[in-house]
Amino acid sequence: MFRDRFWISLTLILPVVVYSGMVQEWFGYTAPSFPGSGWLPPLLGTVIFIYGGSPFLKGAVQEASDRQPGMMLLIGMAITVAFFAH
């Protein structure tokens, strides 16, 4: 399950990185523009967060409800904070 989600998330990350304004600035290029291209990184980022992060988020909820914090809770909190921080 984790391996499949990893590879799918990795392929979805590539357009997010290519269309990232910061990465374009670092490397001095401009990604091809099309109607809606500005929405590509936030939409794919949301898909990656939900699809790729769901095992961690489900595990975090389970660990929190069991009152036994562990690695899933730590990762779930980290990806949630990273998602909402930007």
PDB file of N, CA and C in Angstrom:
ATOM      1  N   MET A   1       0.822  -1.183   0.000  1.00  0.00           N
ATOM      2  CA  MET A   1       0.000   0.000   0.000  1.00  0.00           C
ATOM      3  C   MET A   1       0.874   1.258   0.000  1.00  0.00           C
ATOM      4  N   PHE A   2       1.875   1.305   0.881  1.00  0.00           N
ATOM      5  CA  PHE A   2       2.718   2.488   0.955  1.00  0.00           C
ATOM      6  C   PHE A   2       3.533   2.679  -0.321  1.00  0.00           C
ATOM      7  N   ARG A   3       4.011   1.602  -0.891  1.00  0.00           N
ATOM      8  CA  ARG A   3       4.846   1.693  -2.091  1.00  0.00           C
ATOM      9  C   ARG A   3       4.059   2.272  -3.262  1.00  0.00           C
ATOM     10  N   ASP A   4       2.845   1.790  -3.473  1.00  0.00           N
ATOM     11  CA  ASP A   4       2.023   2.301  -4.566  1.00  0.00           C
ATOM     12  C   ASP A   4       1.696   3.783  -4.359  1.00  0.00           C
ATOM     13  N   ARG A   5       1.324   4.135  -3.144  1.00  0.00           N
ATOM     14  CA  ARG A   5       1.014   5.539  -2.853  1.00  0.00           C
ATOM     15  C   ARG A   5       2.252   6.407  -3.022  1.00  0.00           C
ATOM     16  N   PHE A   6       3.409   5.883  -2.659  1.00  0.00           N
ATOM     17  CA  PHE A   6       4.647   6.640  -2.818  1.00  0.00           C
ATOM     18  C   PHE A   6       4.909   6.953  -4.281  1.00  0.00           C
ATOM     19  N   TRP A   7       4.845   5.954  -5.144  1.00  0.00           N
ATOM     20  CA  TRP A   7       5.159   6.166  -6.558  1.00  0.00           C
ATOM     21  C   TRP A   7       4.138   7.066  -7.242  1.00  0.00           C
ATOM     22  N   ILE A   8       2.883   6.924  -6.908  1.00  0.00           N
ATOM     23  CA  ILE A   8       1.861   7.796  -7.488  1.00  0.00           C
ATOM     24  C   ILE A   8       2.054   9.229  -6.997  1.00  0.00           C
ATOM     25  N   SER A   9       2.317   9.384  -5.707  1.00  0.00           N
ATOM     26  CA  SER A   9       2.556  10.723  -5.164  1.00  0.00           C
ATOM     27  C   SER A   9       3.810  11.345  -5.765  1.00  0.00           C
ATOM     28  N   LEU A  10       4.828  10.541  -5.976  1.00  0.00           N
ATOM     29  CA  LEU A  10       6.062  11.051  -6.570  1.00  0.00           C
ATOM     30  C   LEU A  10       5.824  11.575  -7.981  1.00  0.00           C
ATOM     31  N   THR A  11       5.035  10.860  -8.762  1.00  0.00           N
ATOM     32  CA  THR A  11       4.756  11.346 -10.116  1.00  0.00           C
ATOM     33  C   THR A  11       3.892  12.604 -10.088  1.00  0.00           C
ATOM     34  N   LEU A  12       3.016  12.740  -9.098  1.00  0.00           N
ATOM     35  CA  LEU A  12       2.208  13.949  -8.982  1.00  0.00           C
ATOM     36  C   LEU A  12       3.026  15.142  -8.485  1.00  0.00           C
ATOM     37  N   ILE A  13       4.117  14.874  -7.787  1.00  0.00           N
ATOM     38  CA  ILE A  13       4.955  15.952  -7.268  1.00  0.00           C
ATOM     39  C   ILE A  13       5.726  16.643  -8.387  1.00  0.00           C
ATOM     40  N   LEU A  14       6.066  15.932  -9.437  1.00  0.00           N
ATOM     41  CA  LEU A  14       6.885  16.511 -10.502  1.00  0.00           C
ATOM     42  C   LEU A  14       6.264  17.765 -11.120  1.00  0.00           C
ATOM     43  N   PRO A  15       4.989  17.760 -11.547  1.00  0.00           N
ATOM     44  CA  PRO A  15       4.437  19.010 -12.069  1.00  0.00           C
ATOM     45  C   PRO A  15       4.328  20.110 -11.016  1.00  0.00           C
ATOM     46  N   VAL A  16       4.136  19.737  -9.761  1.00  0.00           N
ATOM     47  CA  VAL A  16       4.078  20.737  -8.698  1.00  0.00           C
ATOM     48  C   VAL A  16       5.420  21.458  -8.593  1.00  0.00           C
ATOM     49  N   VAL A  17       6.507  20.699  -8.652  1.00  0.00           N
ATOM     50  CA  VAL A  17       7.835  21.294  -8.567  1.00  0.00           C
ATOM     51  C   VAL A  17       8.134  22.130  -9.811  1.00  0.00           C
ATOM     52  N   VAL A  18       7.792  21.620 -10.984  1.00  0.00           N
ATOM     53  CA  VAL A  18       8.065  22.342 -12.228  1.00  0.00           C
ATOM     54  C   VAL A  18       7.324  23.674 -12.250  1.00  0.00           C
ATOM     55  N   TYR A  19       6.087  23.724 -11.770  1.00  0.00           N
ATOM     56  CA  TYR A  19       5.286  24.940 -11.800  1.00  0.00           C
ATOM     57  C   TYR A  19       5.424  25.787 -10.533  1.00  0.00           C
ATOM     58  N   SER A  20       6.283  25.385  -9.629  1.00  0.00           N
ATOM     59  CA  SER A  20       6.515  26.166  -8.423  1.00  0.00           C
ATOM     60  C   SER A  20       7.272  27.443  -8.769  1.00  0.00           C
ATOM     61  N   GLY A  21       6.744  28.564  -8.313  1.00  0.00           N
ATOM     62  CA  GLY A  21       7.375  29.847  -8.587  1.00  0.00           C
ATOM     63  C   GLY A  21       8.777  29.947  -8.012  1.00  0.00           C
ATOM     64  N   MET A  22       8.976  29.381  -6.835  1.00  0.00           N
ATOM     65  CA  MET A  22      10.285  29.446  -6.198  1.00  0.00           C
ATOM     66  C   MET A  22      11.320  28.642  -6.990  1.00  0.00           C
ATOM     67  N   VAL A  23      10.950  27.467  -7.444  1.00  0.00           N
ATOM     68  CA  VAL A  23      11.875  26.635  -8.221  1.00  0.00           C
ATOM     69  C   VAL A  23      12.175  27.307  -9.564  1.00  0.00           C
ATOM     70  N   GLN A  24      11.176  27.902 -10.166  1.00  0.00           N
ATOM     71  CA  GLN A  24      11.396  28.622 -11.426  1.00  0.00           C
ATOM     72  C   GLN A  24      12.365  29.775 -11.217  1.00  0.00           C
ATOM     73  N   GLU A  25      12.241  30.453 -10.095  1.00  0.00           N
ATOM     74  CA  GLU A  25      13.145  31.558  -9.782  1.00  0.00           C
ATOM     75  C   GLU A  25      14.563  31.056  -9.546  1.00  0.00           C
ATOM     76  N   TRP A  26      14.706  29.953  -8.816  1.00  0.00           N
ATOM     77  CA  TRP A  26      16.037  29.401  -8.532  1.00  0.00           C
ATOM     78  C   TRP A  26      16.783  29.051  -9.807  1.00  0.00           C
ATOM     79  N   PHE A  27      16.095  28.369 -10.728  1.00  0.00           N
ATOM     80  CA  PHE A  27      16.750  27.865 -11.923  1.00  0.00           C
ATOM     81  C   PHE A  27      16.608  28.784 -13.134  1.00  0.00           C
ATOM     82  N   GLY A  28      15.913  29.889 -12.983  1.00  0.00           N
ATOM     83  CA  GLY A  28      15.809  30.880 -14.027  1.00  0.00           C
ATOM     84  C   GLY A  28      15.059  30.428 -15.273  1.00  0.00           C
ATOM     85  N   TYR A  29      13.953  29.793 -15.108  1.00  0.00           N
ATOM     86  CA  TYR A  29      13.140  29.381 -16.251  1.00  0.00           C
ATOM     87  C   TYR A  29      11.690  29.762 -15.989  1.00  0.00           C
ATOM     88  N   THR A  30      10.906  29.695 -17.021  1.00  0.00           N
ATOM     89  CA  THR A  30       9.470  29.935 -16.905  1.00  0.00           C
ATOM     90  C   THR A  30       8.747  28.716 -17.453  1.00  0.00           C
ATOM     91  N   ALA A  31       7.905  28.121 -16.634  1.00  0.00           N
ATOM     92  CA  ALA A  31       7.144  26.943 -17.055  1.00  0.00           C
ATOM     93  C   ALA A  31       6.104  27.359 -18.097  1.00  0.00           C
ATOM     94  N   PRO A  32       5.757  26.441 -18.986  1.00  0.00           N
ATOM     95  CA  PRO A  32       4.721  26.761 -19.987  1.00  0.00           C
ATOM     96  C   PRO A  32       3.418  27.169 -19.298  1.00  0.00           C
ATOM     97  N   SER A  33       2.821  28.211 -19.834  1.00  0.00           N
ATOM     98  CA  SER A  33       1.598  28.732 -19.244  1.00  0.00           C
ATOM     99  C   SER A  33       0.389  28.292 -20.075  1.00  0.00           C
ATOM    100  N   PHE A  34      -0.683  27.982 -19.394  1.00  0.00           N
ATOM    101  CA  PHE A  34      -1.951  27.636 -20.024  1.00  0.00           C
ATOM    102  C   PHE A  34      -3.053  28.079 -19.081  1.00  0.00           C
ATOM    103  N   PRO A  35      -4.270  28.217 -19.555  1.00  0.00           N
ATOM    104  CA  PRO A  35      -5.351  28.638 -18.659  1.00  0.00           C
ATOM    105  C   PRO A  35      -5.482  27.689 -17.467  1.00  0.00           C
ATOM    106  N   GLY A  36      -5.374  28.237 -16.296  1.00  0.00           N
ATOM    107  CA  GLY A  36      -5.469  27.429 -15.085  1.00  0.00           C
ATOM    108  C   GLY A  36      -4.139  26.893 -14.582  1.00  0.00           C
ATOM    109  N   SER A  37      -3.034  27.250 -15.223  1.00  0.00           N
ATOM    110  CA  SER A  37      -1.736  26.709 -14.792  1.00  0.00           C
ATOM    111  C   SER A  37      -1.353  27.199 -13.397  1.00  0.00           C
ATOM    112  N   GLY A  38      -1.883  28.329 -12.983  1.00  0.00           N
ATOM    113  CA  GLY A  38      -1.618  28.815 -11.630  1.00  0.00           C
ATOM    114  C   GLY A  38      -2.278  27.964 -10.555  1.00  0.00           C
ATOM    115  N   TRP A  39      -3.309  27.223 -10.950  1.00  0.00           N
ATOM    116  CA  TRP A  39      -4.015  26.363  -9.999  1.00  0.00           C
ATOM    117  C   TRP A  39      -3.409  24.962  -9.908  1.00  0.00           C
ATOM    118  N   LEU A  40      -2.492  24.652 -10.798  1.00  0.00           N
ATOM    119  CA  LEU A  40      -1.917  23.300 -10.831  1.00  0.00           C
ATOM    120  C   LEU A  40      -1.215  22.917  -9.523  1.00  0.00           C
ATOM    121  N   PRO A  41      -0.267  23.725  -9.013  1.00  0.00           N
ATOM    122  CA  PRO A  41       0.390  23.322  -7.759  1.00  0.00           C
ATOM    123  C   PRO A  41      -0.550  23.182  -6.561  1.00  0.00           C
ATOM    124  N   PRO A  42      -1.468  24.135  -6.309  1.00  0.00           N
ATOM    125  CA  PRO A  42      -2.330  23.926  -5.140  1.00  0.00           C
ATOM    126  C   PRO A  42      -3.288  22.746  -5.281  1.00  0.00           C
ATOM    127  N   LEU A  43      -3.800  22.523  -6.480  1.00  0.00           N
ATOM    128  CA  LEU A  43      -4.724  21.395  -6.663  1.00  0.00           C
ATOM    129  C   LEU A  43      -4.004  20.056  -6.524  1.00  0.00           C
ATOM    130  N   LEU A  44      -2.864  19.926  -7.210  1.00  0.00           N
ATOM    131  CA  LEU A  44      -2.119  18.671  -7.085  1.00  0.00           C
ATOM    132  C   LEU A  44      -1.560  18.496  -5.679  1.00  0.00           C
ATOM    133  N   GLY A  45      -1.172  19.597  -5.039  1.00  0.00           N
ATOM    134  CA  GLY A  45      -0.701  19.510  -3.655  1.00  0.00           C
ATOM    135  C   GLY A  45      -1.771  18.988  -2.717  1.00  0.00           C
ATOM    136  N   THR A  46      -3.000  19.410  -2.951  1.00  0.00           N
ATOM    137  CA  THR A  46      -4.116  18.919  -2.139  1.00  0.00           C
ATOM    138  C   THR A  46      -4.365  17.438  -2.392  1.00  0.00           C
ATOM    139  N   VAL A  47      -4.293  17.033  -3.654  1.00  0.00           N
ATOM    140  CA  VAL A  47      -4.460  15.612  -3.993  1.00  0.00           C
ATOM    141  C   VAL A  47      -3.359  14.779  -3.341  1.00  0.00           C
ATOM    142  N   ILE A  48      -2.140  15.266  -3.399  1.00  0.00           N
ATOM    143  CA  ILE A  48      -1.015  14.545  -2.795  1.00  0.00           C
ATOM    144  C   ILE A  48      -1.199  14.438  -1.287  1.00  0.00           C
ATOM    145  N   PHE A  49      -1.630  15.540  -0.653  1.00  0.00           N
ATOM    146  CA  PHE A  49      -1.852  15.527   0.794  1.00  0.00           C
ATOM    147  C   PHE A  49      -2.920  14.513   1.178  1.00  0.00           C
ATOM    148  N   ILE A  50      -4.026  14.514   0.449  1.00  0.00           N
ATOM    149  CA  ILE A  50      -5.133  13.610   0.793  1.00  0.00           C
ATOM    150  C   ILE A  50      -4.792  12.168   0.444  1.00  0.00           C
ATOM    151  N   TYR A  51      -4.313  11.941  -0.786  1.00  0.00           N
ATOM    152  CA  TYR A  51      -4.058  10.571  -1.224  1.00  0.00           C
ATOM    153  C   TYR A  51      -2.803   9.990  -0.577  1.00  0.00           C
ATOM    154  N   GLY A  52      -1.707  10.708  -0.654  1.00  0.00           N
ATOM    155  CA  GLY A  52      -0.447  10.195  -0.112  1.00  0.00           C
ATOM    156  C   GLY A  52      -0.379  10.220   1.399  1.00  0.00           C
ATOM    157  N   GLY A  53      -1.103  11.166   2.003  1.00  0.00           N
ATOM    158  CA  GLY A  53      -1.041  11.292   3.456  1.00  0.00           C
ATOM    159  C   GLY A  53      -2.113  10.555   4.211  1.00  0.00           C
ATOM    160  N   SER A  54      -3.091  10.006   3.513  1.00  0.00           N
ATOM    161  CA  SER A  54      -4.208   9.372   4.222  1.00  0.00           C
ATOM    162  C   SER A  54      -3.803   8.224   5.148  1.00  0.00           C
ATOM    163  N   PRO A  55      -2.838   7.366   4.798  1.00  0.00           N
ATOM    164  CA  PRO A  55      -2.459   6.333   5.778  1.00  0.00           C
ATOM    165  C   PRO A  55      -1.890   6.934   7.068  1.00  0.00           C
ATOM    166  N   PHE A  56      -1.144   8.023   6.928  1.00  0.00           N
ATOM    167  CA  PHE A  56      -0.570   8.668   8.103  1.00  0.00           C
ATOM    168  C   PHE A  56      -1.636   9.394   8.908  1.00  0.00           C
ATOM    169  N   LEU A  57      -2.570  10.028   8.224  1.00  0.00           N
ATOM    170  CA  LEU A  57      -3.631  10.741   8.922  1.00  0.00           C
ATOM    171  C   LEU A  57      -4.563   9.774   9.641  1.00  0.00           C
ATOM    172  N   LYS A  58      -4.889   8.660   8.996  1.00  0.00           N
ATOM    173  CA  LYS A  58      -5.725   7.644   9.652  1.00  0.00           C
ATOM    174  C   LYS A  58      -4.996   7.058  10.855  1.00  0.00           C
ATOM    175  N   GLY A  59      -3.718   6.771  10.695  1.00  0.00           N
ATOM    176  CA  GLY A  59      -2.921   6.255  11.808  1.00  0.00           C
ATOM    177  C   GLY A  59      -2.809   7.256  12.935  1.00  0.00           C
ATOM    178  N   ALA A  60      -2.703   8.544  12.589  1.00  0.00           N
ATOM    179  CA  ALA A  60      -2.614   9.589  13.611  1.00  0.00           C
ATOM    180  C   ALA A  60      -3.903   9.667  14.422  1.00  0.00           C
ATOM    181  N   VAL A  61      -5.024   9.590  13.737  1.00  0.00           N
ATOM    182  CA  VAL A  61      -6.313   9.630  14.443  1.00  0.00           C
ATOM    183  C   VAL A  61      -6.449   8.414  15.365  1.00  0.00           C
ATOM    184  N   GLN A  62      -6.036   7.253  14.877  1.00  0.00           N
ATOM    185  CA  GLN A  62      -6.119   6.035  15.692  1.00  0.00           C
ATOM    186  C   GLN A  62      -5.219   6.134  16.923  1.00  0.00           C
ATOM    187  N   GLU A  63      -3.991   6.599  16.727  1.00  0.00           N
ATOM    188  CA  GLU A  63      -3.071   6.729  17.859  1.00  0.00           C
ATOM    189  C   GLU A  63      -3.565   7.765  18.862  1.00  0.00           C
ATOM    190  N   ALA A  64      -4.125   8.863  18.369  1.00  0.00           N
ATOM    191  CA  ALA A  64      -4.643   9.889  19.277  1.00  0.00           C
ATOM    192  C   ALA A  64      -5.841   9.382  20.058  1.00  0.00           C
ATOM    193  N   SER A  65      -6.719   8.625  19.392  1.00  0.00           N
ATOM    194  CA  SER A  65      -7.889   8.104  20.102  1.00  0.00           C
ATOM    195  C   SER A  65      -7.510   7.018  21.100  1.00  0.00           C
ATOM    196  N   ASP A  66      -6.425   6.286  20.819  1.00  0.00           N
ATOM    197  CA  ASP A  66      -5.941   5.274  21.763  1.00  0.00           C
ATOM    198  C   ASP A  66      -5.087   5.871  22.876  1.00  0.00           C
ATOM    199  N   ARG A  67      -4.794   7.158  22.753  1.00  0.00           N
ATOM    200  CA  ARG A  67      -3.916   7.857  23.706  1.00  0.00           C
ATOM    201  C   ARG A  67      -2.544   7.204  23.796  1.00  0.00           C
ATOM    202  N   GLN A  68      -2.067   6.740  22.646  1.00  0.00           N
ATOM    203  CA  GLN A  68      -0.734   6.159  22.547  1.00  0.00           C
ATOM    204  C   GLN A  68      -0.015   6.809  21.365  1.00  0.00           C
ATOM    205  N   PRO A  69       0.519   8.025  21.585  1.00  0.00           N
ATOM    206  CA  PRO A  69       1.160   8.716  20.468  1.00  0.00           C
ATOM    207  C   PRO A  69       2.367   7.942  19.957  1.00  0.00           C
ATOM    208  N   GLY A  70       2.506   7.961  18.651  1.00  0.00           N
ATOM    209  CA  GLY A  70       3.608   7.255  18.013  1.00  0.00           C
ATOM    210  C   GLY A  70       4.016   7.980  16.748  1.00  0.00           C
ATOM    211  N   MET A  71       4.672   7.261  15.880  1.00  0.00           N
ATOM    212  CA  MET A  71       5.219   7.848  14.670  1.00  0.00           C
ATOM    213  C   MET A  71       4.140   8.326  13.706  1.00  0.00           C
ATOM    214  N   MET A  72       3.031   7.625  13.611  1.00  0.00           N
ATOM    215  CA  MET A  72       1.960   8.056  12.708  1.00  0.00           C
ATOM    216  C   MET A  72       1.399   9.408  13.137  1.00  0.00           C
ATOM    217  N   LEU A  73       1.251   9.619  14.424  1.00  0.00           N
ATOM    218  CA  LEU A  73       0.768  10.900  14.922  1.00  0.00           C
ATOM    219  C   LEU A  73       1.774  12.002  14.611  1.00  0.00           C
ATOM    220  N   LEU A  74       3.030  11.724  14.798  1.00  0.00           N
ATOM    221  CA  LEU A  74       4.070  12.702  14.503  1.00  0.00           C
ATOM    222  C   LEU A  74       4.077  13.076  13.024  1.00  0.00           C
ATOM    223  N   ILE A  75       4.033  12.087  12.153  1.00  0.00           N
ATOM    224  CA  ILE A  75       4.043  12.356  10.709  1.00  0.00           C
ATOM    225  C   ILE A  75       2.741  13.028  10.288  1.00  0.00           C
ATOM    226  N   GLY A  76       1.621  12.579  10.827  1.00  0.00           N
ATOM    227  CA  GLY A  76       0.337  13.185  10.506  1.00  0.00           C
ATOM    228  C   GLY A  76       0.294  14.661  10.885  1.00  0.00           C
ATOM    229  N   MET A  77       0.817  14.984  12.057  1.00  0.00           N
ATOM    230  CA  MET A  77       0.871  16.390  12.470  1.00  0.00           C
ATOM    231  C   MET A  77       1.811  17.185  11.570  1.00  0.00           C
ATOM    232  N   ALA A  78       2.936  16.605  11.213  1.00  0.00           N
ATOM    233  CA  ALA A  78       3.922  17.306  10.389  1.00  0.00           C
ATOM    234  C   ALA A  78       3.367  17.621   9.001  1.00  0.00           C
ATOM    235  N   ILE A  79       2.735  16.650   8.356  1.00  0.00           N
ATOM    236  CA  ILE A  79       2.229  16.922   7.000  1.00  0.00           C
ATOM    237  C   ILE A  79       1.026  17.855   7.055  1.00  0.00           C
ATOM    238  N   THR A  80       0.240  17.819   8.122  1.00  0.00           N
ATOM    239  CA  THR A  80      -0.891  18.726   8.243  1.00  0.00           C
ATOM    240  C   THR A  80      -0.412  20.167   8.446  1.00  0.00           C
ATOM    241  N   VAL A  81       0.569  20.349   9.305  1.00  0.00           N
ATOM    242  CA  VAL A  81       1.115  21.688   9.527  1.00  0.00           C
ATOM    243  C   VAL A  81       1.771  22.202   8.245  1.00  0.00           C
ATOM    244  N   ALA A  82       2.518  21.357   7.566  1.00  0.00           N
ATOM    245  CA  ALA A  82       3.169  21.773   6.310  1.00  0.00           C
ATOM    246  C   ALA A  82       2.131  22.127   5.252  1.00  0.00           C
ATOM    247  N   PHE A  83       1.043  21.398   5.191  1.00  0.00           N
ATOM    248  CA  PHE A  83       0.001  21.661   4.204  1.00  0.00           C
ATOM    249  C   PHE A  83      -0.687  23.000   4.463  1.00  0.00           C
ATOM    250  N   PHE A  84      -1.024  23.266   5.709  1.00  0.00           N
ATOM    251  CA  PHE A  84      -1.767  24.481   6.029  1.00  0.00           C
ATOM    252  C   PHE A  84      -0.883  25.708   6.263  1.00  0.00           C
ATOM    253  N   ALA A  85       0.418  25.516   6.396  1.00  0.00           N
ATOM    254  CA  ALA A  85       1.320  26.638   6.678  1.00  0.00           C
ATOM    255  C   ALA A  85       1.538  27.528   5.475  1.00  0.00           C
ATOM    256  N   HIS A  86       1.393  27.007   4.288  1.00  0.00           N
ATOM    257  CA  HIS A  86       1.667  27.824   3.103  1.00  0.00           C
ATOM    258  C   HIS A  86       0.377  28.247   2.529  1.00  0.00           C
TER     259      HIS A  86
END
